[in-house]
Amino acid sequence: MAAVNTTTDAGAETKDRKRKESILDLSKFLDKVIRVKFAGGRECSGILKGFDPLLNLVLDNTTEYLRGPDDAFKLTDDTRLLGLVVCRGTSVVLICPVEGTEAIPNPFIPQDS
């Protein structure tokens, strides 16, 4: 009786698959100032110097916006300069460019007329 090989060539199968691409194209923000929000409420801004597919970021001239002592999610006007920082991608919640953004009033809070 002859032995039958039922295994498939896994190497050829992985070559046929397309490589997963990141949804975000951060290359257009390289060497520009971005603001990053992290899980837990921390926020910082800095010049994007590098990134990888896992959303790990390298920021230069980074400034952290400090939170209030009473409310951990309320930012104060206090900041501290951090310099060159590597941000772990698993904790990044939001990335936005600083240039071209502006603060607007909350539409869900009734405004005094």
PDB file of N, CA and C in Angstrom:
ATOM      1  N   MET A   1       0.843  -1.159   0.000  1.00  0.00           N
ATOM      2  CA  MET A   1       0.000   0.000   0.000  1.00  0.00           C
ATOM      3  C   MET A   1       0.899   1.235   0.000  1.00  0.00           C
ATOM      4  N   ALA A   2       0.588   2.191  -0.853  1.00  0.00           N
ATOM      5  CA  ALA A   2       1.386   3.401  -0.990  1.00  0.00           C
ATOM      6  C   ALA A   2       0.841   4.487  -0.078  1.00  0.00           C
ATOM      7  N   ALA A   3       1.725   5.268   0.491  1.00  0.00           N
ATOM      8  CA  ALA A   3       1.312   6.367   1.362  1.00  0.00           C
ATOM      9  C   ALA A   3       0.905   7.552   0.499  1.00  0.00           C
ATOM     10  N   VAL A   4      -0.163   8.227   0.894  1.00  0.00           N
ATOM     11  CA  VAL A   4      -0.669   9.377   0.153  1.00  0.00           C
ATOM     12  C   VAL A   4      -0.375  10.642   0.953  1.00  0.00           C
ATOM     13  N   ASN A   5       0.222  11.624   0.311  1.00  0.00           N
ATOM     14  CA  ASN A   5       0.535  12.889   0.974  1.00  0.00           C
ATOM     15  C   ASN A   5      -0.644  13.842   0.769  1.00  0.00           C
ATOM     16  N   THR A   6      -1.364  14.134   1.857  1.00  0.00           N
ATOM     17  CA  THR A   6      -2.545  15.004   1.764  1.00  0.00           C
ATOM     18  C   THR A   6      -2.270  16.423   2.235  1.00  0.00           C
ATOM     19  N   THR A   7      -1.041  16.727   2.595  1.00  0.00           N
ATOM     20  CA  THR A   7      -0.740  18.077   3.065  1.00  0.00           C
ATOM     21  C   THR A   7      -0.609  19.021   1.884  1.00  0.00           C
ATOM     22  N   THR A   8      -0.960  20.286   2.094  1.00  0.00           N
ATOM     23  CA  THR A   8      -0.828  21.291   1.045  1.00  0.00           C
ATOM     24  C   THR A   8       0.427  22.097   1.272  1.00  0.00           C
ATOM     25  N   ASP A   9       0.876  22.742   0.254  1.00  0.00           N
ATOM     26  CA  ASP A   9       2.076  23.566   0.354  1.00  0.00           C
ATOM     27  C   ASP A   9       1.708  24.899   0.996  1.00  0.00           C
ATOM     28  N   ALA A  10       1.965  25.043   2.282  1.00  0.00           N
ATOM     29  CA  ALA A  10       1.594  26.255   3.019  1.00  0.00           C
ATOM     30  C   ALA A  10       2.391  27.468   2.550  1.00  0.00           C
ATOM     31  N   GLY A  11       3.611  27.253   2.098  1.00  0.00           N
ATOM     32  CA  GLY A  11       4.432  28.365   1.641  1.00  0.00           C
ATOM     33  C   GLY A  11       3.849  29.044   0.418  1.00  0.00           C
ATOM     34  N   ALA A  12       3.342  28.266  -0.521  1.00  0.00           N
ATOM     35  CA  ALA A  12       2.734  28.844  -1.723  1.00  0.00           C
ATOM     36  C   ALA A  12       1.434  29.551  -1.379  1.00  0.00           C
ATOM     37  N   GLU A  13       0.740  29.038  -0.378  1.00  0.00           N
ATOM     38  CA  GLU A  13      -0.534  29.635   0.021  1.00  0.00           C
ATOM     39  C   GLU A  13      -0.336  31.018   0.633  1.00  0.00           C
ATOM     40  N   THR A  14       0.708  31.194   1.441  1.00  0.00           N
ATOM     41  CA  THR A  14       0.942  32.500   2.066  1.00  0.00           C
ATOM     42  C   THR A  14       1.450  33.514   1.057  1.00  0.00           C
ATOM     43  N   LYS A  15       2.127  33.080   0.016  1.00  0.00           N
ATOM     44  CA  LYS A  15       2.610  34.007  -1.007  1.00  0.00           C
ATOM     45  C   LYS A  15       1.462  34.554  -1.839  1.00  0.00           C
ATOM     46  N   ASP A  16       0.416  33.763  -1.991  1.00  0.00           N
ATOM     47  CA  ASP A  16      -0.729  34.189  -2.792  1.00  0.00           C
ATOM     48  C   ASP A  16      -1.587  35.220  -2.073  1.00  0.00           C
ATOM     49  N   ARG A  17      -1.559  35.209  -0.764  1.00  0.00           N
ATOM     50  CA  ARG A  17      -2.360  36.174  -0.001  1.00  0.00           C
ATOM     51  C   ARG A  17      -1.809  37.572  -0.182  1.00  0.00           C
ATOM     52  N   LYS A  18      -2.698  38.549  -0.218  1.00  0.00           N
ATOM     53  CA  LYS A  18      -2.255  39.935  -0.300  1.00  0.00           C
ATOM     54  C   LYS A  18      -1.843  40.412   1.073  1.00  0.00           C
ATOM     55  N   ARG A  19      -0.836  41.249   1.093  1.00  0.00           N
ATOM     56  CA  ARG A  19      -0.357  41.805   2.356  1.00  0.00           C
ATOM     57  C   ARG A  19      -1.372  42.817   2.873  1.00  0.00           C
ATOM     58  N   LYS A  20      -1.671  42.743   4.164  1.00  0.00           N
ATOM     59  CA  LYS A  20      -2.612  43.680   4.763  1.00  0.00           C
ATOM     60  C   LYS A  20      -1.982  45.056   4.843  1.00  0.00           C
ATOM     61  N   GLU A  21      -2.731  46.047   4.419  1.00  0.00           N
ATOM     62  CA  GLU A  21      -2.248  47.418   4.475  1.00  0.00           C
ATOM     63  C   GLU A  21      -2.974  48.159   5.586  1.00  0.00           C
ATOM     64  N   SER A  22      -2.302  49.134   6.127  1.00  0.00           N
ATOM     65  CA  SER A  22      -2.892  49.944   7.184  1.00  0.00           C
ATOM     66  C   SER A  22      -4.004  50.816   6.610  1.00  0.00           C
ATOM     67  N   ILE A  23      -5.033  51.022   7.385  1.00  0.00           N
ATOM     68  CA  ILE A  23      -6.148  51.870   6.968  1.00  0.00           C
ATOM     69  C   ILE A  23      -5.699  53.327   6.917  1.00  0.00           C
ATOM     70  N   LEU A  24      -4.847  53.710   7.861  1.00  0.00           N
ATOM     71  CA  LEU A  24      -4.376  55.089   7.941  1.00  0.00           C
ATOM     72  C   LEU A  24      -3.129  55.287   7.089  1.00  0.00           C
ATOM     73  N   ASP A  25      -3.098  56.378   6.356  1.00  0.00           N
ATOM     74  CA  ASP A  25      -1.901  56.744   5.608  1.00  0.00           C
ATOM     75  C   ASP A  25      -1.250  57.915   6.330  1.00  0.00           C
ATOM     76  N   LEU A  26      -0.394  57.597   7.288  1.00  0.00           N
ATOM     77  CA  LEU A  26       0.253  58.639   8.097  1.00  0.00           C
ATOM     78  C   LEU A  26       1.437  59.282   7.383  1.00  0.00           C
ATOM     79  N   SER A  27       1.817  58.780   6.216  1.00  0.00           N
ATOM     80  CA  SER A  27       2.983  59.337   5.528  1.00  0.00           C
ATOM     81  C   SER A  27       2.761  60.797   5.132  1.00  0.00           C
ATOM     82  N   LYS A  28       1.501  61.184   4.927  1.00  0.00           N
ATOM     83  CA  LYS A  28       1.235  62.588   4.576  1.00  0.00           C
ATOM     84  C   LYS A  28       1.400  63.526   5.768  1.00  0.00           C
ATOM     85  N   PHE A  29       1.514  62.988   6.981  1.00  0.00           N
ATOM     86  CA  PHE A  29       1.708  63.803   8.173  1.00  0.00           C
ATOM     87  C   PHE A  29       3.155  63.791   8.664  1.00  0.00           C
ATOM     88  N   LEU A  30       4.056  63.121   7.950  1.00  0.00           N
ATOM     89  CA  LEU A  30       5.460  63.096   8.357  1.00  0.00           C
ATOM     90  C   LEU A  30       6.020  64.512   8.376  1.00  0.00           C
ATOM     91  N   ASP A  31       6.785  64.823   9.396  1.00  0.00           N
ATOM     92  CA  ASP A  31       7.401  66.144   9.605  1.00  0.00           C
ATOM     93  C   ASP A  31       6.366  67.252   9.773  1.00  0.00           C
ATOM     94  N   LYS A  32       5.154  66.900  10.197  1.00  0.00           N
ATOM     95  CA  LYS A  32       4.117  67.884  10.519  1.00  0.00           C
ATOM     96  C   LYS A  32       3.668  67.649  11.954  1.00  0.00           C
ATOM     97  N   VAL A  33       3.105  68.689  12.554  1.00  0.00           N
ATOM     98  CA  VAL A  33       2.664  68.591  13.946  1.00  0.00           C
ATOM     99  C   VAL A  33       1.323  67.867  13.999  1.00  0.00           C
ATOM    100  N   ILE A  34       1.250  66.834  14.845  1.00  0.00           N
ATOM    101  CA  ILE A  34      -0.001  66.107  15.053  1.00  0.00           C
ATOM    102  C   ILE A  34      -0.315  66.091  16.548  1.00  0.00           C
ATOM    103  N   ARG A  35      -1.577  65.853  16.847  1.00  0.00           N
ATOM    104  CA  ARG A  35      -2.020  65.714  18.239  1.00  0.00           C
ATOM    105  C   ARG A  35      -2.491  64.279  18.416  1.00  0.00           C
ATOM    106  N   VAL A  36      -2.107  63.666  19.509  1.00  0.00           N
ATOM    107  CA  VAL A  36      -2.421  62.258  19.765  1.00  0.00           C
ATOM    108  C   VAL A  36      -3.140  62.144  21.102  1.00  0.00           C
ATOM    109  N   LYS A  37      -4.246  61.397  21.105  1.00  0.00           N
ATOM    110  CA  LYS A  37      -4.946  61.088  22.355  1.00  0.00           C
ATOM    111  C   LYS A  37      -4.739  59.611  22.651  1.00  0.00           C
ATOM    112  N   PHE A  38      -4.513  59.316  23.933  1.00  0.00           N
ATOM    113  CA  PHE A  38      -4.224  57.961  24.357  1.00  0.00           C
ATOM    114  C   PHE A  38      -5.342  57.406  25.237  1.00  0.00           C
ATOM    115  N   ALA A  39      -5.398  56.085  25.317  1.00  0.00           N
ATOM    116  CA  ALA A  39      -6.307  55.434  26.250  1.00  0.00           C
ATOM    117  C   ALA A  39      -5.906  55.873  27.656  1.00  0.00           C
ATOM    118  N   GLY A  40      -6.873  56.231  28.466  1.00  0.00           N
ATOM    119  CA  GLY A  40      -6.575  56.724  29.809  1.00  0.00           C
ATOM    120  C   GLY A  40      -6.648  58.232  29.910  1.00  0.00           C
ATOM    121  N   GLY A  41      -6.776  58.926  28.757  1.00  0.00           N
ATOM    122  CA  GLY A  41      -7.014  60.350  28.791  1.00  0.00           C
ATOM    123  C   GLY A  41      -5.828  61.255  28.503  1.00  0.00           C
ATOM    124  N   ARG A  42      -4.621  60.715  28.397  1.00  0.00           N
ATOM    125  CA  ARG A  42      -3.467  61.583  28.121  1.00  0.00           C
ATOM    126  C   ARG A  42      -3.517  62.111  26.692  1.00  0.00           C
ATOM    127  N   GLU A  43      -2.971  63.322  26.511  1.00  0.00           N
ATOM    128  CA  GLU A  43      -2.891  63.936  25.187  1.00  0.00           C
ATOM    129  C   GLU A  43      -1.529  64.570  25.023  1.00  0.00           C
ATOM    130  N   CYS A  44      -1.025  64.524  23.794  1.00  0.00           N
ATOM    131  CA  CYS A  44       0.236  65.196  23.493  1.00  0.00           C
ATOM    132  C   CYS A  44       0.246  65.625  22.037  1.00  0.00           C
ATOM    133  N   SER A  45       1.155  66.513  21.713  1.00  0.00           N
ATOM    134  CA  SER A  45       1.336  66.926  20.326  1.00  0.00           C
ATOM    135  C   SER A  45       2.825  67.009  20.053  1.00  0.00           C
ATOM    136  N   GLY A  46       3.185  66.744  18.799  1.00  0.00           N
ATOM    137  CA  GLY A  46       4.584  66.789  18.420  1.00  0.00           C
ATOM    138  C   GLY A  46       4.725  66.585  16.924  1.00  0.00           C
ATOM    139  N   ILE A  47       5.946  66.653  16.452  1.00  0.00           N
ATOM    140  CA  ILE A  47       6.232  66.477  15.031  1.00  0.00           C
ATOM    141  C   ILE A  47       6.400  64.984  14.754  1.00  0.00           C
ATOM    142  N   LEU A  48       5.596  64.452  13.843  1.00  0.00           N
ATOM    143  CA  LEU A  48       5.651  63.030  13.503  1.00  0.00           C
ATOM    144  C   LEU A  48       6.925  62.753  12.718  1.00  0.00           C
ATOM    145  N   LYS A  49       7.789  61.925  13.282  1.00  0.00           N
ATOM    146  CA  LYS A  49       9.055  61.569  12.634  1.00  0.00           C
ATOM    147  C   LYS A  49       9.033  60.167  12.045  1.00  0.00           C
ATOM    148  N   GLY A  50       8.149  59.303  12.549  1.00  0.00           N
ATOM    149  CA  GLY A  50       8.087  57.946  12.036  1.00  0.00           C
ATOM    150  C   GLY A  50       6.907  57.193  12.602  1.00  0.00           C
ATOM    151  N   PHE A  51       6.567  56.061  11.946  1.00  0.00           N
ATOM    152  CA  PHE A  51       5.459  55.217  12.386  1.00  0.00           C
ATOM    153  C   PHE A  51       5.647  53.833  11.780  1.00  0.00           C
ATOM    154  N   ASP A  52       4.875  52.875  12.255  1.00  0.00           N
ATOM    155  CA  ASP A  52       4.892  51.535  11.679  1.00  0.00           C
ATOM    156  C   ASP A  52       3.460  51.036  11.529  1.00  0.00           C
ATOM    157  N   PRO A  53       3.251  49.854  10.937  1.00  0.00           N
ATOM    158  CA  PRO A  53       1.880  49.357  10.710  1.00  0.00           C
ATOM    159  C   PRO A  53       1.074  49.131  11.993  1.00  0.00           C
ATOM    160  N   LEU A  54       1.748  48.963  13.127  1.00  0.00           N
ATOM    161  CA  LEU A  54       1.048  48.763  14.396  1.00  0.00           C
ATOM    162  C   LEU A  54       0.678  50.079  15.062  1.00  0.00           C
ATOM    163  N   LEU A  55       0.922  51.197  14.395  1.00  0.00           N
ATOM    164  CA  LEU A  55       0.608  52.539  14.857  1.00  0.00           C
ATOM    165  C   LEU A  55       1.519  53.026  15.977  1.00  0.00           C
ATOM    166  N   ASN A  56       2.688  52.394  16.125  1.00  0.00           N
ATOM    167  CA  ASN A  56       3.697  52.952  17.016  1.00  0.00           C
ATOM    168  C   ASN A  56       4.188  54.233  16.359  1.00  0.00           C
ATOM    169  N   LEU A  57       4.298  55.307  17.133  1.00  0.00           N
ATOM    170  CA  LEU A  57       4.645  56.617  16.592  1.00  0.00           C
ATOM    171  C   LEU A  57       5.928  57.133  17.219  1.00  0.00           C
ATOM    172  N   VAL A  58       6.700  57.866  16.440  1.00  0.00           N
ATOM    173  CA  VAL A  58       7.862  58.591  16.961  1.00  0.00           C
ATOM    174  C   VAL A  58       7.565  60.070  16.787  1.00  0.00           C
ATOM    175  N   LEU A  59       7.501  60.799  17.907  1.00  0.00           N
ATOM    176  CA  LEU A  59       7.212  62.229  17.899  1.00  0.00           C
ATOM    177  C   LEU A  59       8.406  62.994  18.445  1.00  0.00           C
ATOM    178  N   ASP A  60       8.706  64.125  17.814  1.00  0.00           N
ATOM    179  CA  ASP A  60       9.791  64.989  18.276  1.00  0.00           C
ATOM    180  C   ASP A  60       9.194  66.301  18.776  1.00  0.00           C
ATOM    181  N   ASN A  61       9.908  66.985  19.660  1.00  0.00           N
ATOM    182  CA  ASN A  61       9.429  68.233  20.289  1.00  0.00           C
ATOM    183  C   ASN A  61       8.031  68.033  20.874  1.00  0.00           C
ATOM    184  N   THR A  62       7.860  66.951  21.579  1.00  0.00           N
ATOM    185  CA  THR A  62       6.550  66.574  22.102  1.00  0.00           C
ATOM    186  C   THR A  62       6.185  67.383  23.340  1.00  0.00           C
ATOM    187  N   THR A  63       4.927  67.824  23.363  1.00  0.00           N
ATOM    188  CA  THR A  63       4.376  68.542  24.508  1.00  0.00           C
ATOM    189  C   THR A  63       3.188  67.752  25.041  1.00  0.00           C
ATOM    190  N   GLU A  64       3.201  67.449  26.338  1.00  0.00           N
ATOM    191  CA  GLU A  64       2.076  66.761  26.964  1.00  0.00           C
ATOM    192  C   GLU A  64       1.156  67.794  27.593  1.00  0.00           C
ATOM    193  N   TYR A  65      -0.132  67.615  27.392  1.00  0.00           N
ATOM    194  CA  TYR A  65      -1.132  68.498  28.000  1.00  0.00           C
ATOM    195  C   TYR A  65      -1.590  67.834  29.291  1.00  0.00           C
ATOM    196  N   LEU A  66      -1.335  68.532  30.409  1.00  0.00           N
ATOM    197  CA  LEU A  66      -1.609  67.945  31.725  1.00  0.00           C
ATOM    198  C   LEU A  66      -3.087  68.022  32.069  1.00  0.00           C
ATOM    199  N   ARG A  67      -3.525  67.055  32.847  1.00  0.00           N
ATOM    200  CA  ARG A  67      -4.926  66.965  33.252  1.00  0.00           C
ATOM    201  C   ARG A  67      -5.131  67.550  34.632  1.00  0.00           C
ATOM    202  N   GLY A  68      -6.389  67.889  34.912  1.00  0.00           N
ATOM    203  CA  GLY A  68      -6.717  68.470  36.205  1.00  0.00           C
ATOM    204  C   GLY A  68      -6.647  67.457  37.324  1.00  0.00           C
ATOM    205  N   PRO A  69      -6.347  67.896  38.548  1.00  0.00           N
ATOM    206  CA  PRO A  69      -6.263  66.962  39.671  1.00  0.00           C
ATOM    207  C   PRO A  69      -7.620  66.404  40.089  1.00  0.00           C
ATOM    208  N   ASP A  70      -8.702  67.152  39.839  1.00  0.00           N
ATOM    209  CA  ASP A  70     -10.034  66.702  40.241  1.00  0.00           C
ATOM    210  C   ASP A  70     -10.656  65.772  39.203  1.00  0.00           C
ATOM    211  N   ASP A  71     -10.511  66.110  37.935  1.00  0.00           N
ATOM    212  CA  ASP A  71     -11.106  65.327  36.854  1.00  0.00           C
ATOM    213  C   ASP A  71      -9.989  64.868  35.921  1.00  0.00           C
ATOM    214  N   ALA A  72      -9.787  63.557  35.836  1.00  0.00           N
ATOM    215  CA  ALA A  72      -8.676  63.015  35.055  1.00  0.00           C
ATOM    216  C   ALA A  72      -8.839  63.234  33.557  1.00  0.00           C
ATOM    217  N   PHE A  73     -10.057  63.525  33.078  1.00  0.00           N
ATOM    218  CA  PHE A  73     -10.281  63.702  31.652  1.00  0.00           C
ATOM    219  C   PHE A  73     -10.394  65.165  31.244  1.00  0.00           C
ATOM    220  N   LYS A  74     -10.269  66.082  32.186  1.00  0.00           N
ATOM    221  CA  LYS A  74     -10.337  67.502  31.869  1.00  0.00           C
ATOM    222  C   LYS A  74      -8.921  68.055  31.766  1.00  0.00           C
ATOM    223  N   LEU A  75      -8.607  68.624  30.612  1.00  0.00           N
ATOM    224  CA  LEU A  75      -7.273  69.179  30.398  1.00  0.00           C
ATOM    225  C   LEU A  75      -7.172  70.567  31.004  1.00  0.00           C
ATOM    226  N   THR A  76      -5.988  70.882  31.504  1.00  0.00           N
ATOM    227  CA  THR A  76      -5.714  72.223  32.027  1.00  0.00           C
ATOM    228  C   THR A  76      -4.853  72.970  31.009  1.00  0.00           C
ATOM    229  N   ASP A  77      -4.492  74.197  31.327  1.00  0.00           N
ATOM    230  CA  ASP A  77      -3.615  74.972  30.455  1.00  0.00           C
ATOM    231  C   ASP A  77      -2.146  74.631  30.686  1.00  0.00           C
ATOM    232  N   ASP A  78      -1.862  73.767  31.658  1.00  0.00           N
ATOM    233  CA  ASP A  78      -0.485  73.387  31.978  1.00  0.00           C
ATOM    234  C   ASP A  78       0.034  72.359  30.972  1.00  0.00           C
ATOM    235  N   THR A  79       1.284  72.526  30.583  1.00  0.00           N
ATOM    236  CA  THR A  79       1.926  71.585  29.673  1.00  0.00           C
ATOM    237  C   THR A  79       3.310  71.257  30.199  1.00  0.00           C
ATOM    238  N   ARG A  80       3.890  70.187  29.664  1.00  0.00           N
ATOM    239  CA  ARG A  80       5.291  69.897  29.959  1.00  0.00           C
ATOM    240  C   ARG A  80       5.950  69.375  28.691  1.00  0.00           C
ATOM    241  N   LEU A  81       7.168  69.785  28.464  1.00  0.00           N
ATOM    242  CA  LEU A  81       7.913  69.420  27.272  1.00  0.00           C
ATOM    243  C   LEU A  81       8.574  68.061  27.492  1.00  0.00           C
ATOM    244  N   LEU A  82       8.336  67.123  26.578  1.00  0.00           N
ATOM    245  CA  LEU A  82       8.886  65.779  26.710  1.00  0.00           C
ATOM    246  C   LEU A  82      10.049  65.518  25.762  1.00  0.00           C
ATOM    247  N   GLY A  83      10.099  66.210  24.624  1.00  0.00           N
ATOM    248  CA  GLY A  83      11.182  65.991  23.662  1.00  0.00           C
ATOM    249  C   GLY A  83      10.846  64.861  22.695  1.00  0.00           C
ATOM    250  N   LEU A  84      11.803  63.954  22.455  1.00  0.00           N
ATOM    251  CA  LEU A  84      11.622  62.834  21.536  1.00  0.00           C
ATOM    252  C   LEU A  84      10.928  61.695  22.262  1.00  0.00           C
ATOM    253  N   VAL A  85       9.813  61.200  21.694  1.00  0.00           N
ATOM    254  CA  VAL A  85       8.977  60.210  22.368  1.00  0.00           C
ATOM    255  C   VAL A  85       8.596  59.105  21.398  1.00  0.00           C
ATOM    256  N   VAL A  86       8.555  57.865  21.890  1.00  0.00           N
ATOM    257  CA  VAL A  86       8.005  56.747  21.138  1.00  0.00           C
ATOM    258  C   VAL A  86       6.666  56.397  21.783  1.00  0.00           C
ATOM    259  N   CYS A  87       5.584  56.468  21.006  1.00  0.00           N
ATOM    260  CA  CYS A  87       4.234  56.198  21.506  1.00  0.00           C
ATOM    261  C   CYS A  87       3.823  54.793  21.085  1.00  0.00           C
ATOM    262  N   ARG A  88       3.421  53.987  22.040  1.00  0.00           N
ATOM    263  CA  ARG A  88       3.013  52.617  21.736  1.00  0.00           C
ATOM    264  C   ARG A  88       1.657  52.621  21.048  1.00  0.00           C
ATOM    265  N   GLY A  89       1.565  51.930  19.940  1.00  0.00           N
ATOM    266  CA  GLY A  89       0.369  51.941  19.109  1.00  0.00           C
ATOM    267  C   GLY A  89      -0.873  51.388  19.768  1.00  0.00           C
ATOM    268  N   THR A  90      -0.724  50.453  20.715  1.00  0.00           N
ATOM    269  CA  THR A  90      -1.903  49.856  21.346  1.00  0.00           C
ATOM    270  C   THR A  90      -2.652  50.839  22.231  1.00  0.00           C
ATOM    271  N   SER A  91      -1.974  51.918  22.654  1.00  0.00           N
ATOM    272  CA  SER A  91      -2.640  52.892  23.520  1.00  0.00           C
ATOM    273  C   SER A  91      -3.131  54.122  22.759  1.00  0.00           C
ATOM    274  N   VAL A  92      -2.830  54.227  21.467  1.00  0.00           N
ATOM    275  CA  VAL A  92      -3.265  55.375  20.671  1.00  0.00           C
ATOM    276  C   VAL A  92      -4.750  55.238  20.356  1.00  0.00           C
ATOM    277  N   VAL A  93      -5.506  56.294  20.668  1.00  0.00           N
ATOM    278  CA  VAL A  93      -6.949  56.309  20.406  1.00  0.00           C
ATOM    279  C   VAL A  93      -7.276  57.205  19.229  1.00  0.00           C
ATOM    280  N   LEU A  94      -6.599  58.360  19.122  1.00  0.00           N
ATOM    281  CA  LEU A  94      -6.921  59.338  18.091  1.00  0.00           C
ATOM    282  C   LEU A  94      -5.667  60.056  17.628  1.00  0.00           C
ATOM    283  N   ILE A  95      -5.582  60.288  16.318  1.00  0.00           N
ATOM    284  CA  ILE A  95      -4.484  61.064  15.735  1.00  0.00           C
ATOM    285  C   ILE A  95      -5.111  62.125  14.845  1.00  0.00           C
ATOM    286  N   CYS A  96      -4.722  63.388  15.043  1.00  0.00           N
ATOM    287  CA  CYS A  96      -5.253  64.440  14.176  1.00  0.00           C
ATOM    288  C   CYS A  96      -4.165  65.481  13.920  1.00  0.00           C
ATOM    289  N   PRO A  97      -4.170  66.072  12.738  1.00  0.00           N
ATOM    290  CA  PRO A  97      -3.197  67.133  12.463  1.00  0.00           C
ATOM    291  C   PRO A  97      -3.565  68.390  13.232  1.00  0.00           C
ATOM    292  N   VAL A  98      -2.579  69.135  13.693  1.00  0.00           N
ATOM    293  CA  VAL A  98      -2.839  70.370  14.417  1.00  0.00           C
ATOM    294  C   VAL A  98      -3.210  71.477  13.438  1.00  0.00           C
ATOM    295  N   GLU A  99      -2.522  71.506  12.306  1.00  0.00           N
ATOM    296  CA  GLU A  99      -2.792  72.523  11.293  1.00  0.00           C
ATOM    297  C   GLU A  99      -4.118  72.215  10.602  1.00  0.00           C
ATOM    298  N   GLY A 100      -4.990  73.210  10.536  1.00  0.00           N
ATOM    299  CA  GLY A 100      -6.268  73.036   9.855  1.00  0.00           C
ATOM    300  C   GLY A 100      -7.404  72.595  10.760  1.00  0.00           C
ATOM    301  N   THR A 101      -7.183  72.519  12.066  1.00  0.00           N
ATOM    302  CA  THR A 101      -8.266  72.163  12.984  1.00  0.00           C
ATOM    303  C   THR A 101      -8.590  73.356  13.865  1.00  0.00           C
ATOM    304  N   GLU A 102      -9.834  73.440  14.276  1.00  0.00           N
ATOM    305  CA  GLU A 102     -10.244  74.523  15.165  1.00  0.00           C
ATOM    306  C   GLU A 102     -11.297  73.994  16.135  1.00  0.00           C
ATOM    307  N   ALA A 103     -11.370  74.600  17.292  1.00  0.00           N
ATOM    308  CA  ALA A 103     -12.335  74.207  18.308  1.00  0.00           C
ATOM    309  C   ALA A 103     -13.699  74.802  17.972  1.00  0.00           C
ATOM    310  N   ILE A 104     -14.735  73.990  18.143  1.00  0.00           N
ATOM    311  CA  ILE A 104     -16.101  74.465  17.927  1.00  0.00           C
ATOM    312  C   ILE A 104     -16.894  74.248  19.211  1.00  0.00           C
ATOM    313  N   PRO A 105     -17.972  75.008  19.422  1.00  0.00           N
ATOM    314  CA  PRO A 105     -18.790  74.783  20.618  1.00  0.00           C
ATOM    315  C   PRO A 105     -19.523  73.443  20.519  1.00  0.00           C
ATOM    316  N   ASN A 106     -19.767  72.847  21.656  1.00  0.00           N
ATOM    317  CA  ASN A 106     -20.463  71.570  21.712  1.00  0.00           C
ATOM    318  C   ASN A 106     -21.912  71.756  21.266  1.00  0.00           C
ATOM    319  N   PRO A 107     -22.353  71.087  20.198  1.00  0.00           N
ATOM    320  CA  PRO A 107     -23.714  71.271  19.703  1.00  0.00           C
ATOM    321  C   PRO A 107     -24.776  70.617  20.599  1.00  0.00           C
ATOM    322  N   PHE A 108     -24.354  69.773  21.531  1.00  0.00           N
ATOM    323  CA  PHE A 108     -25.305  69.075  22.378  1.00  0.00           C
ATOM    324  C   PHE A 108     -25.602  69.797  23.680  1.00  0.00           C
ATOM    325  N   ILE A 109     -24.866  70.869  23.953  1.00  0.00           N
ATOM    326  CA  ILE A 109     -25.126  71.679  25.138  1.00  0.00           C
ATOM    327  C   ILE A 109     -25.898  72.908  24.708  1.00  0.00           C
ATOM    328  N   PRO A 110     -27.030  73.203  25.355  1.00  0.00           N
ATOM    329  CA  PRO A 110     -27.801  74.396  24.961  1.00  0.00           C
ATOM    330  C   PRO A 110     -26.975  75.662  25.135  1.00  0.00           C
ATOM    331  N   GLN A 111     -26.937  76.484  24.087  1.00  0.00           N
ATOM    332  CA  GLN A 111     -26.174  77.733  24.108  1.00  0.00           C
ATOM    333  C   GLN A 111     -27.094  78.878  24.523  1.00  0.00           C
ATOM    334  N   ASP A 112     -26.551  79.823  25.294  1.00  0.00           N
ATOM    335  CA  ASP A 112     -27.323  80.999  25.695  1.00  0.00           C
ATOM    336  C   ASP A 112     -27.445  81.927  24.503  1.00  0.00           C
ATOM    337  N   SER A 113     -28.652  82.415  24.246  1.00  0.00           N
ATOM    338  CA  SER A 113     -28.866  83.313  23.098  1.00  0.00           C
ATOM    339  C   SER A 113     -28.719  84.750  23.493  1.00  0.00           C
TER     340      SER A 113
END
